[in-house]
């Protein structure tokens, strides 16, 4: 399942996808902008069993069991990856990825990420969020060039920043640095992925990007958080931004 501010997606055991909530920009994938008050199957994905889904406020992604990516919803800044900024009311294959077998997808507010089976990270969407030094929006998927030579095993995105996890447990972050959510000790944006050196020596197992903060879990079950410390967001009893990863005391998380 995947949940956003306005709509939700769920994958059934059969690989069918159901959506409900607000339908603005066609984010539900039913061919209109109508809202759905209960889960409704996305009929256009029939025949393409889906393994996982990702979404942001106004666009959605689906990864099929065959490793193909579909996107739909608001196409502004190229976040759908179809080479334009048009809205798509139904799931549409991302043709630029058709020769690749993808292993994971992630959606930020104005960008999207894909991880292929070789560990390469691909991105598309708004300049400043895609991890490449580009002068304009990236309307189709491109390799994140700064991660060449890094075999990624996990990706996460939310709003304007992204995280990538390498097979050696290293964490890379890029995009908006507000609240210190990139974990580099400051609040500066990073156009390209930069390793989170404060986690050097920690073998990270998983990462998660939130609106204003980031989380990581390590092989030993330790959990780390950084970024927006207001409103108890981090759960670290802080009333300020945490600019570097900080370990949660007395917390061990279950490892999958």
C-alpha atoms as a PDB file:
ATOM      1  CA  UNK A   1       0.000   0.000   0.000  1.00  0.00           C
ATOM      2  CA  UNK A   2       0.970   3.633  -0.383  1.00  0.00           C
ATOM      3  CA  UNK A   3      -0.721   6.685   1.111  1.00  0.00           C
ATOM      4  CA  UNK A   4      -0.468  10.371   0.287  1.00  0.00           C
ATOM      5  CA  UNK A   5      -2.181  13.504   1.539  1.00  0.00           C
ATOM      6  CA  UNK A   6      -5.048  13.148  -0.922  1.00  0.00           C
ATOM      7  CA  UNK A   7      -5.275   9.567  -2.184  1.00  0.00           C
ATOM      8  CA  UNK A   8      -4.209   5.984  -1.547  1.00  0.00           C
ATOM      9  CA  UNK A   9      -3.202   2.922  -3.559  1.00  0.00           C
ATOM     10  CA  UNK A  10      -3.249  -0.754  -2.639  1.00  0.00           C
ATOM     11  CA  UNK A  11      -1.960  -3.845  -4.441  1.00  0.00           C
ATOM     12  CA  UNK A  12      -4.039  -7.005  -4.077  1.00  0.00           C
ATOM     13  CA  UNK A  13      -2.523 -10.485  -3.861  1.00  0.00           C
ATOM     14  CA  UNK A  14      -3.530 -10.968  -7.495  1.00  0.00           C
ATOM     15  CA  UNK A  15      -1.474  -7.949  -8.592  1.00  0.00           C
ATOM     16  CA  UNK A  16      -4.554  -5.792  -9.171  1.00  0.00           C
ATOM     17  CA  UNK A  17      -4.305  -2.157  -8.023  1.00  0.00           C
ATOM     18  CA  UNK A  18      -7.057  -0.299  -6.183  1.00  0.00           C
ATOM     19  CA  UNK A  19      -7.210   3.450  -5.573  1.00  0.00           C
ATOM     20  CA  UNK A  20      -9.402   5.810  -3.593  1.00  0.00           C
ATOM     21  CA  UNK A  21      -9.524   9.394  -2.323  1.00  0.00           C
ATOM     22  CA  UNK A  22      -9.124  12.630  -4.266  1.00  0.00           C
ATOM     23  CA  UNK A  23      -8.907  12.336  -8.038  1.00  0.00           C
ATOM     24  CA  UNK A  24      -7.349  15.691  -8.922  1.00  0.00           C
ATOM     25  CA  UNK A  25      -5.170  15.442 -12.067  1.00  0.00           C
ATOM     26  CA  UNK A  26      -6.331  11.859 -12.526  1.00  0.00           C
ATOM     27  CA  UNK A  27      -4.131  10.606  -9.693  1.00  0.00           C
ATOM     28  CA  UNK A  28      -6.494   7.658  -9.121  1.00  0.00           C
ATOM     29  CA  UNK A  29      -5.982   6.330 -12.644  1.00  0.00           C
ATOM     30  CA  UNK A  30      -9.640   5.855 -13.604  1.00  0.00           C
ATOM     31  CA  UNK A  31      -9.733   8.195 -16.588  1.00  0.00           C
ATOM     32  CA  UNK A  32     -11.226  11.200 -14.813  1.00  0.00           C
ATOM     33  CA  UNK A  33     -10.617  13.563 -11.911  1.00  0.00           C
ATOM     34  CA  UNK A  34     -13.540  12.237  -9.900  1.00  0.00           C
ATOM     35  CA  UNK A  35     -12.976  11.251  -6.285  1.00  0.00           C
ATOM     36  CA  UNK A  36     -13.597   7.701  -5.093  1.00  0.00           C
ATOM     37  CA  UNK A  37     -15.069   7.112  -1.634  1.00  0.00           C
ATOM     38  CA  UNK A  38     -14.098   3.432  -1.569  1.00  0.00           C
ATOM     39  CA  UNK A  39     -11.346   1.344  -3.206  1.00  0.00           C
ATOM     40  CA  UNK A  40     -11.878   0.935  -6.948  1.00  0.00           C
ATOM     41  CA  UNK A  41      -9.836  -1.310  -9.198  1.00  0.00           C
ATOM     42  CA  UNK A  42      -7.723   0.412 -11.865  1.00  0.00           C
ATOM     43  CA  UNK A  43      -9.006  -1.469 -14.879  1.00  0.00           C
ATOM     44  CA  UNK A  44      -6.344  -0.256 -17.320  1.00  0.00           C
ATOM     45  CA  UNK A  45      -3.705  -2.222 -15.386  1.00  0.00           C
ATOM     46  CA  UNK A  46      -5.568  -5.501 -15.924  1.00  0.00           C
ATOM     47  CA  UNK A  47      -3.169  -7.966 -17.510  1.00  0.00           C
ATOM     48  CA  UNK A  48      -0.122  -6.291 -15.963  1.00  0.00           C
ATOM     49  CA  UNK A  49       0.197  -7.677 -12.413  1.00  0.00           C
ATOM     50  CA  UNK A  50       1.684  -5.023 -10.146  1.00  0.00           C
ATOM     51  CA  UNK A  51       4.300  -5.705  -7.475  1.00  0.00           C
ATOM     52  CA  UNK A  52       4.468  -2.293  -5.774  1.00  0.00           C
ATOM     53  CA  UNK A  53       3.174   1.273  -5.952  1.00  0.00           C
ATOM     54  CA  UNK A  54       4.348   4.740  -4.931  1.00  0.00           C
ATOM     55  CA  UNK A  55       2.644   8.107  -4.911  1.00  0.00           C
ATOM     56  CA  UNK A  56       2.867  11.765  -4.034  1.00  0.00           C
ATOM     57  CA  UNK A  57       0.089  14.327  -3.743  1.00  0.00           C
ATOM     58  CA  UNK A  58      -0.855  14.445  -7.419  1.00  0.00           C
ATOM     59  CA  UNK A  59       0.887  11.601  -9.234  1.00  0.00           C
ATOM     60  CA  UNK A  60       1.210   7.850  -8.916  1.00  0.00           C
ATOM     61  CA  UNK A  61       3.612   5.100  -9.973  1.00  0.00           C
ATOM     62  CA  UNK A  62       3.191   1.356 -10.380  1.00  0.00           C
ATOM     63  CA  UNK A  63       5.907  -1.266 -10.814  1.00  0.00           C
ATOM     64  CA  UNK A  64       4.780  -4.488 -12.444  1.00  0.00           C
ATOM     65  CA  UNK A  65       6.050  -7.936 -11.550  1.00  0.00           C
ATOM     66  CA  UNK A  66       7.796  -7.889 -14.948  1.00  0.00           C
ATOM     67  CA  UNK A  67       9.790  -4.804 -13.915  1.00  0.00           C
ATOM     68  CA  UNK A  68       7.925  -2.232 -16.017  1.00  0.00           C
ATOM     69  CA  UNK A  69       6.932   1.216 -14.704  1.00  0.00           C
ATOM     70  CA  UNK A  70       3.594   2.973 -15.229  1.00  0.00           C
ATOM     71  CA  UNK A  71       2.835   6.549 -14.183  1.00  0.00           C
ATOM     72  CA  UNK A  72      -0.220   8.778 -14.134  1.00  0.00           C
ATOM     73  CA  UNK A  73      -1.572  12.024 -12.685  1.00  0.00           C
ATOM     74  CA  UNK A  74      -0.039  15.496 -12.803  1.00  0.00           C
ATOM     75  CA  UNK A  75       2.786  15.653 -15.339  1.00  0.00           C
ATOM     76  CA  UNK A  76       4.163  19.084 -14.374  1.00  0.00           C
ATOM     77  CA  UNK A  77       7.977  19.296 -14.410  1.00  0.00           C
ATOM     78  CA  UNK A  78       8.148  15.910 -16.135  1.00  0.00           C
ATOM     79  CA  UNK A  79       7.498  13.913 -12.974  1.00  0.00           C
ATOM     80  CA  UNK A  80       5.661  11.225 -14.992  1.00  0.00           C
ATOM     81  CA  UNK A  81       8.656  10.598 -17.252  1.00  0.00           C
ATOM     82  CA  UNK A  82       6.863  10.699 -20.614  1.00  0.00           C
ATOM     83  CA  UNK A  83       8.922  13.455 -22.220  1.00  0.00           C
ATOM     84  CA  UNK A  84       6.317  16.154 -21.649  1.00  0.00           C
ATOM     85  CA  UNK A  85       4.348  17.807 -18.844  1.00  0.00           C
ATOM     86  CA  UNK A  86       0.920  16.530 -19.820  1.00  0.00           C
ATOM     87  CA  UNK A  87      -1.499  15.084 -17.293  1.00  0.00           C
ATOM     88  CA  UNK A  88      -2.271  11.371 -17.693  1.00  0.00           C
ATOM     89  CA  UNK A  89      -5.661  10.205 -16.424  1.00  0.00           C
ATOM     90  CA  UNK A  90      -4.813   6.497 -16.708  1.00  0.00           C
ATOM     91  CA  UNK A  91      -1.620   4.498 -16.057  1.00  0.00           C
ATOM     92  CA  UNK A  92       0.795   4.923 -18.961  1.00  0.00           C
ATOM     93  CA  UNK A  93       4.012   2.916 -19.518  1.00  0.00           C
ATOM     94  CA  UNK A  94       7.210   4.932 -19.065  1.00  0.00           C
ATOM     95  CA  UNK A  95       8.687   4.108 -22.458  1.00  0.00           C
ATOM     96  CA  UNK A  96      12.182   5.384 -21.664  1.00  0.00           C
ATOM     97  CA  UNK A  97      12.505   2.514 -19.168  1.00  0.00           C
ATOM     98  CA  UNK A  98      10.982  -0.199 -21.338  1.00  0.00           C
ATOM     99  CA  UNK A  99      14.302  -1.953 -22.036  1.00  0.00           C
ATOM    100  CA  UNK A 100      15.179  -2.128 -18.336  1.00  0.00           C
ATOM    101  CA  UNK A 101      13.877  -4.341 -15.567  1.00  0.00           C
ATOM    102  CA  UNK A 102      13.124  -2.095 -12.623  1.00  0.00           C
ATOM    103  CA  UNK A 103      13.239  -3.264  -9.006  1.00  0.00           C
ATOM    104  CA  UNK A 104      11.748  -0.287  -7.129  1.00  0.00           C
ATOM    105  CA  UNK A 105      10.094   3.100  -7.623  1.00  0.00           C
ATOM    106  CA  UNK A 106       9.695   6.157  -5.403  1.00  0.00           C
ATOM    107  CA  UNK A 107       7.738   9.392  -5.785  1.00  0.00           C
ATOM    108  CA  UNK A 108       8.562  12.872  -4.544  1.00  0.00           C
ATOM    109  CA  UNK A 109       6.289  15.856  -4.989  1.00  0.00           C
ATOM    110  CA  UNK A 110       7.880  17.026  -8.243  1.00  0.00           C
ATOM    111  CA  UNK A 111      10.089  14.089  -9.187  1.00  0.00           C
ATOM    112  CA  UNK A 112      10.245  10.321  -9.369  1.00  0.00           C
ATOM    113  CA  UNK A 113      12.937   7.683  -8.930  1.00  0.00           C
ATOM    114  CA  UNK A 114      13.466   4.202 -10.279  1.00  0.00           C
ATOM    115  CA  UNK A 115      15.967   1.539  -9.243  1.00  0.00           C
ATOM    116  CA  UNK A 116      16.844  -1.063 -11.852  1.00  0.00           C
ATOM    117  CA  UNK A 117      17.898  -4.649 -11.222  1.00  0.00           C
ATOM    118  CA  UNK A 118      21.595  -3.796 -11.681  1.00  0.00           C
ATOM    119  CA  UNK A 119      21.468  -1.252  -8.840  1.00  0.00           C
ATOM    120  CA  UNK A 120      21.478   1.860 -11.042  1.00  0.00           C
ATOM    121  CA  UNK A 121      19.264   4.784  -9.978  1.00  0.00           C
ATOM    122  CA  UNK A 122      17.183   6.668 -12.548  1.00  0.00           C
ATOM    123  CA  UNK A 123      15.362   9.954 -11.963  1.00  0.00           C
ATOM    124  CA  UNK A 124      12.965  12.297 -13.722  1.00  0.00           C
ATOM    125  CA  UNK A 125      11.177  15.534 -12.866  1.00  0.00           C
ATOM    126  CA  UNK A 126      12.022  18.998 -11.578  1.00  0.00           C
ATOM    127  CA  UNK A 127      15.524  20.435 -11.734  1.00  0.00           C
ATOM    128  CA  UNK A 128      17.130  20.426  -8.304  1.00  0.00           C
ATOM    129  CA  UNK A 129      15.391  17.217  -7.244  1.00  0.00           C
ATOM    130  CA  UNK A 130      16.613  14.674  -9.801  1.00  0.00           C
ATOM    131  CA  UNK A 131      20.211  14.415  -8.608  1.00  0.00           C
ATOM    132  CA  UNK A 132      21.746  15.637 -11.866  1.00  0.00           C
ATOM    133  CA  UNK A 133      23.184  19.047 -12.752  1.00  0.00           C
ATOM    134  CA  UNK A 134      20.598  20.071 -15.336  1.00  0.00           C
ATOM    135  CA  UNK A 135      19.514  23.533 -16.444  1.00  0.00           C
ATOM    136  CA  UNK A 136      15.857  22.576 -16.795  1.00  0.00           C
ATOM    137  CA  UNK A 137      13.377  19.933 -15.783  1.00  0.00           C
ATOM    138  CA  UNK A 138      14.226  16.354 -16.718  1.00  0.00           C
ATOM    139  CA  UNK A 139      11.194  15.174 -18.677  1.00  0.00           C
ATOM    140  CA  UNK A 140      12.356  11.579 -19.140  1.00  0.00           C
ATOM    141  CA  UNK A 141      14.246   9.138 -16.912  1.00  0.00           C
ATOM    142  CA  UNK A 142      18.014   9.552 -16.846  1.00  0.00           C
ATOM    143  CA  UNK A 143      20.716   7.805 -14.861  1.00  0.00           C
ATOM    144  CA  UNK A 144      21.760   9.696 -11.734  1.00  0.00           C
ATOM    145  CA  UNK A 145      25.300  10.195 -12.971  1.00  0.00           C
ATOM    146  CA  UNK A 146      26.876  10.927  -9.569  1.00  0.00           C
ATOM    147  CA  UNK A 147      25.865   7.421  -8.459  1.00  0.00           C
ATOM    148  CA  UNK A 148      27.659   5.633 -11.299  1.00  0.00           C
ATOM    149  CA  UNK A 149      29.737   2.904  -9.716  1.00  0.00           C
ATOM    150  CA  UNK A 150      27.398   2.700  -6.716  1.00  0.00           C
ATOM    151  CA  UNK A 151      25.148  -0.348  -6.553  1.00  0.00           C
ATOM    152  CA  UNK A 152      21.986   0.871  -4.875  1.00  0.00           C
ATOM    153  CA  UNK A 153      19.654  -1.507  -3.070  1.00  0.00           C
ATOM    154  CA  UNK A 154      17.066   0.993  -1.865  1.00  0.00           C
ATOM    155  CA  UNK A 155      15.553   4.377  -2.733  1.00  0.00           C
ATOM    156  CA  UNK A 156      13.138   6.748  -1.029  1.00  0.00           C
ATOM    157  CA  UNK A 157      11.727  10.161  -1.937  1.00  0.00           C
ATOM    158  CA  UNK A 158       9.315  12.638  -0.394  1.00  0.00           C
ATOM    159  CA  UNK A 159       8.467  16.124  -1.561  1.00  0.00           C
ATOM    160  CA  UNK A 160      11.812  17.709  -2.528  1.00  0.00           C
ATOM    161  CA  UNK A 161      14.520  15.326  -1.341  1.00  0.00           C
ATOM    162  CA  UNK A 162      15.679  11.782  -1.971  1.00  0.00           C
ATOM    163  CA  UNK A 163      17.741   9.047  -0.359  1.00  0.00           C
ATOM    164  CA  UNK A 164      19.626   6.135  -1.899  1.00  0.00           C
ATOM    165  CA  UNK A 165      21.048   3.162  -0.010  1.00  0.00           C
ATOM    166  CA  UNK A 166      24.133   1.413  -1.412  1.00  0.00           C
ATOM    167  CA  UNK A 167      24.807  -2.297  -1.067  1.00  0.00           C
ATOM    168  CA  UNK A 168      27.629  -1.573   1.375  1.00  0.00           C
ATOM    169  CA  UNK A 169      25.255   0.226   3.735  1.00  0.00           C
ATOM    170  CA  UNK A 170      26.237   3.762   2.687  1.00  0.00           C
ATOM    171  CA  UNK A 171      23.532   6.443   2.426  1.00  0.00           C
ATOM    172  CA  UNK A 172      23.384   9.209  -0.179  1.00  0.00           C
ATOM    173  CA  UNK A 173      21.021  12.200  -0.126  1.00  0.00           C
ATOM    174  CA  UNK A 174      20.150  15.082  -2.431  1.00  0.00           C
ATOM    175  CA  UNK A 175      17.550  17.773  -3.109  1.00  0.00           C
ATOM    176  CA  UNK A 176      16.210  20.314  -0.635  1.00  0.00           C
ATOM    177  CA  UNK A 177      18.259  20.646   2.537  1.00  0.00           C
ATOM    178  CA  UNK A 178      15.595  22.427   4.587  1.00  0.00           C
ATOM    179  CA  UNK A 179      15.575  21.466   8.275  1.00  0.00           C
ATOM    180  CA  UNK A 180      18.826  19.548   7.730  1.00  0.00           C
ATOM    181  CA  UNK A 181      16.942  16.573   6.292  1.00  0.00           C
ATOM    182  CA  UNK A 182      19.867  15.633   4.028  1.00  0.00           C
ATOM    183  CA  UNK A 183      22.025  14.907   7.075  1.00  0.00           C
ATOM    184  CA  UNK A 184      25.126  16.883   6.091  1.00  0.00           C
ATOM    185  CA  UNK A 185      25.257  19.226   9.081  1.00  0.00           C
ATOM    186  CA  UNK A 186      23.677  22.188   7.302  1.00  0.00           C
ATOM    187  CA  UNK A 187      20.480  23.211   5.513  1.00  0.00           C
ATOM    188  CA  UNK A 188      21.950  23.658   2.062  1.00  0.00           C
ATOM    189  CA  UNK A 189      20.453  21.987  -1.003  1.00  0.00           C
ATOM    190  CA  UNK A 190      22.430  19.330  -2.829  1.00  0.00           C
ATOM    191  CA  UNK A 191      21.968  19.153  -6.591  1.00  0.00           C
ATOM    192  CA  UNK A 192      23.809  15.819  -6.789  1.00  0.00           C
ATOM    193  CA  UNK A 193      23.861  12.863  -4.391  1.00  0.00           C
ATOM    194  CA  UNK A 194      26.258  13.294  -1.503  1.00  0.00           C
ATOM    195  CA  UNK A 195      27.209  10.587   0.949  1.00  0.00           C
ATOM    196  CA  UNK A 196      25.940  11.088   4.500  1.00  0.00           C
ATOM    197  CA  UNK A 197      29.323  10.878   6.199  1.00  0.00           C
ATOM    198  CA  UNK A 198      27.851  11.073   9.695  1.00  0.00           C
ATOM    199  CA  UNK A 199      26.685   7.478   9.141  1.00  0.00           C
ATOM    200  CA  UNK A 200      30.168   6.263   8.209  1.00  0.00           C
ATOM    201  CA  UNK A 201      30.838   3.062  10.128  1.00  0.00           C
ATOM    202  CA  UNK A 202      27.118   2.249  10.329  1.00  0.00           C
ATOM    203  CA  UNK A 203      25.866  -0.435   7.967  1.00  0.00           C
ATOM    204  CA  UNK A 204      22.435   0.920   7.070  1.00  0.00           C
ATOM    205  CA  UNK A 205      19.724  -1.562   6.148  1.00  0.00           C
ATOM    206  CA  UNK A 206      16.862   0.732   5.073  1.00  0.00           C
ATOM    207  CA  UNK A 207      16.063   4.417   4.553  1.00  0.00           C
ATOM    208  CA  UNK A 208      12.890   6.510   4.499  1.00  0.00           C
ATOM    209  CA  UNK A 209      12.339  10.116   3.433  1.00  0.00           C
ATOM    210  CA  UNK A 210       9.629  12.219   5.075  1.00  0.00           C
ATOM    211  CA  UNK A 211       8.435  15.727   4.265  1.00  0.00           C
ATOM    212  CA  UNK A 212      10.998  17.428   6.495  1.00  0.00           C
ATOM    213  CA  UNK A 213      13.033  14.595   7.958  1.00  0.00           C
ATOM    214  CA  UNK A 214      14.777  11.320   7.148  1.00  0.00           C
ATOM    215  CA  UNK A 215      15.171   7.964   8.879  1.00  0.00           C
ATOM    216  CA  UNK A 216      17.568   5.048   8.629  1.00  0.00           C
ATOM    217  CA  UNK A 217      17.811   1.642  10.275  1.00  0.00           C
ATOM    218  CA  UNK A 218      21.047  -0.290  10.706  1.00  0.00           C
ATOM    219  CA  UNK A 219      21.915  -3.972  10.505  1.00  0.00           C
ATOM    220  CA  UNK A 220      21.956  -4.202  14.306  1.00  0.00           C
ATOM    221  CA  UNK A 221      18.428  -2.758  14.585  1.00  0.00           C
ATOM    222  CA  UNK A 222      19.554   0.716  15.627  1.00  0.00           C
ATOM    223  CA  UNK A 223      17.480   3.589  14.220  1.00  0.00           C
ATOM    224  CA  UNK A 224      18.624   7.087  13.263  1.00  0.00           C
ATOM    225  CA  UNK A 225      16.701  10.267  12.501  1.00  0.00           C
ATOM    226  CA  UNK A 226      17.525  13.763  11.302  1.00  0.00           C
ATOM    227  CA  UNK A 227      15.788  16.879  10.007  1.00  0.00           C
ATOM    228  CA  UNK A 228      12.690  18.709  11.256  1.00  0.00           C
ATOM    229  CA  UNK A 229      12.512  18.490  15.036  1.00  0.00           C
ATOM    230  CA  UNK A 230       9.323  20.532  15.481  1.00  0.00           C
ATOM    231  CA  UNK A 231       6.019  19.023  16.630  1.00  0.00           C
ATOM    232  CA  UNK A 232       7.811  15.885  17.839  1.00  0.00           C
ATOM    233  CA  UNK A 233       8.343  14.840  14.208  1.00  0.00           C
ATOM    234  CA  UNK A 234      11.604  13.067  14.970  1.00  0.00           C
ATOM    235  CA  UNK A 235      10.539  11.600  18.295  1.00  0.00           C
ATOM    236  CA  UNK A 236      13.858  12.608  19.806  1.00  0.00           C
ATOM    237  CA  UNK A 237      12.471  15.103  22.342  1.00  0.00           C
ATOM    238  CA  UNK A 238      13.871  17.972  20.303  1.00  0.00           C
ATOM    239  CA  UNK A 239      12.448  21.416  19.638  1.00  0.00           C
ATOM    240  CA  UNK A 240      14.982  22.230  16.950  1.00  0.00           C
ATOM    241  CA  UNK A 241      16.204  20.888  13.644  1.00  0.00           C
ATOM    242  CA  UNK A 242      18.649  17.990  13.848  1.00  0.00           C
ATOM    243  CA  UNK A 243      21.278  18.567  11.164  1.00  0.00           C
ATOM    244  CA  UNK A 244      23.078  15.227  11.499  1.00  0.00           C
ATOM    245  CA  UNK A 245      21.785  11.672  11.989  1.00  0.00           C
ATOM    246  CA  UNK A 246      21.087  10.998  15.663  1.00  0.00           C
ATOM    247  CA  UNK A 247      20.590   7.530  17.086  1.00  0.00           C
ATOM    248  CA  UNK A 248      17.339   6.779  18.883  1.00  0.00           C
ATOM    249  CA  UNK A 249      18.187   5.683  22.429  1.00  0.00           C
ATOM    250  CA  UNK A 250      16.663   2.430  23.684  1.00  0.00           C
ATOM    251  CA  UNK A 251      15.093   1.646  20.287  1.00  0.00           C
ATOM    252  CA  UNK A 252      15.688  -1.516  18.292  1.00  0.00           C
ATOM    253  CA  UNK A 253      13.605  -1.991  15.166  1.00  0.00           C
ATOM    254  CA  UNK A 254      12.526  -5.265  13.597  1.00  0.00           C
ATOM    255  CA  UNK A 255      14.531  -6.122  10.496  1.00  0.00           C
ATOM    256  CA  UNK A 256      12.766  -7.552   7.473  1.00  0.00           C
END
